[in-house]
Amino acid sequence: MVSLMGTNAGGHLGWIQKRCAICNRKLIVGKDKVYQCPRCVKLGIPAYFCEADYRVVHGRCPYCRTELKPIV
């Protein structure tokens, strides 16, 4: 039987782990509060923010001034 290894293995955080665009903190979706800019993400910009930086930027994306939405 062949088992999956590396990034394809079960339990690998690569699919749910994001990085904060300001402080580069590792964020795990579902465990940490993660906010995203829907407009920048559609354009391919990884605009994810942690809870602390969400408060610093007053809930607005620093790139396009769009309201940030939480990832559920």
Protein backbone atom coordinates (compact mmCIF):
# COMPACT_ATOMS: atom_id res chain seq x y z
CA MET A 1 0.00 0.00 0.00
CA VAL A 2 1.29 3.45 -0.91
CA SER A 3 0.92 6.25 1.62
CA LEU A 4 0.78 9.93 0.78
CA MET A 5 3.84 11.93 1.72
CA GLY A 6 4.73 15.58 1.93
CA THR A 7 2.18 18.25 1.07
CA ASN A 8 -0.41 15.68 -0.05
CA ALA A 9 -0.44 13.87 3.30
CA GLY A 10 -3.45 14.09 5.57
CA GLY A 11 -2.98 16.61 8.36
CA HIS A 12 -0.64 18.84 6.38
CA LEU A 13 -1.36 22.51 7.16
CA GLY A 14 -0.36 23.83 3.75
CA TRP A 15 -3.95 24.11 2.55
CA ILE A 16 -5.29 25.98 5.60
CA GLN A 17 -2.24 27.97 6.66
CA LYS A 18 -2.06 31.63 5.61
CA ARG A 19 0.44 34.41 6.35
CA CYS A 20 -0.45 37.88 7.58
CA ALA A 21 0.36 40.48 4.90
CA ILE A 22 1.70 42.99 7.47
CA CYS A 23 3.49 41.04 10.21
CA ASN A 24 4.04 37.72 8.33
CA ARG A 25 2.56 35.71 11.21
CA LYS A 26 1.46 32.14 10.47
CA LEU A 27 -2.34 31.87 10.69
CA ILE A 28 -4.32 28.64 10.71
CA VAL A 29 -7.85 28.98 9.31
CA GLY A 30 -10.34 27.73 11.89
CA LYS A 31 -7.97 28.13 14.84
CA ASP A 32 -6.96 31.81 14.48
CA LYS A 33 -9.11 34.72 13.39
CA VAL A 34 -8.11 35.38 9.78
CA TYR A 35 -9.40 38.31 7.72
CA GLN A 36 -9.11 38.71 3.96
CA CYS A 37 -9.71 41.43 1.42
CA PRO A 38 -12.17 39.94 -1.09
CA ARG A 39 -11.12 42.35 -3.85
CA CYS A 40 -7.37 41.73 -3.55
CA VAL A 41 -7.76 37.95 -3.24
CA LYS A 42 -9.75 37.90 -6.51
CA LEU A 43 -6.85 39.72 -8.17
CA GLY A 44 -4.38 37.13 -6.86
CA ILE A 45 -2.83 39.25 -4.09
CA PRO A 46 -2.49 37.23 -0.85
CA ALA A 47 -4.12 39.88 1.37
CA TYR A 48 -4.73 37.98 4.63
CA PHE A 49 -4.54 39.70 8.01
CA CYS A 50 -4.34 38.62 11.66
CA GLU A 51 -6.67 39.97 14.36
CA ALA A 52 -4.10 42.48 15.69
CA ASP A 53 -3.42 44.01 12.27
CA TYR A 54 -7.17 44.04 11.53
CA ARG A 55 -7.54 46.47 14.44
CA VAL A 56 -4.52 48.51 13.34
CA VAL A 57 -5.94 49.10 9.84
CA HIS A 58 -9.45 49.70 11.27
CA GLY A 59 -11.02 46.83 9.31
CA ARG A 60 -9.99 48.20 5.90
CA CYS A 61 -7.50 46.79 3.42
CA PRO A 62 -4.36 48.98 3.36
CA TYR A 63 -3.97 48.36 -0.38
CA CYS A 64 -7.44 49.15 -1.77
CA ARG A 65 -9.44 50.42 1.28
CA THR A 66 -12.07 47.66 0.90
CA GLU A 67 -13.69 46.29 4.07
CA LEU A 68 -12.01 43.12 5.32
CA LYS A 69 -14.10 39.95 5.70
CA PRO A 70 -13.41 37.10 8.14
CA ILE A 71 -12.60 33.65 6.78
CA VAL A 72 -14.95 31.08 8.26
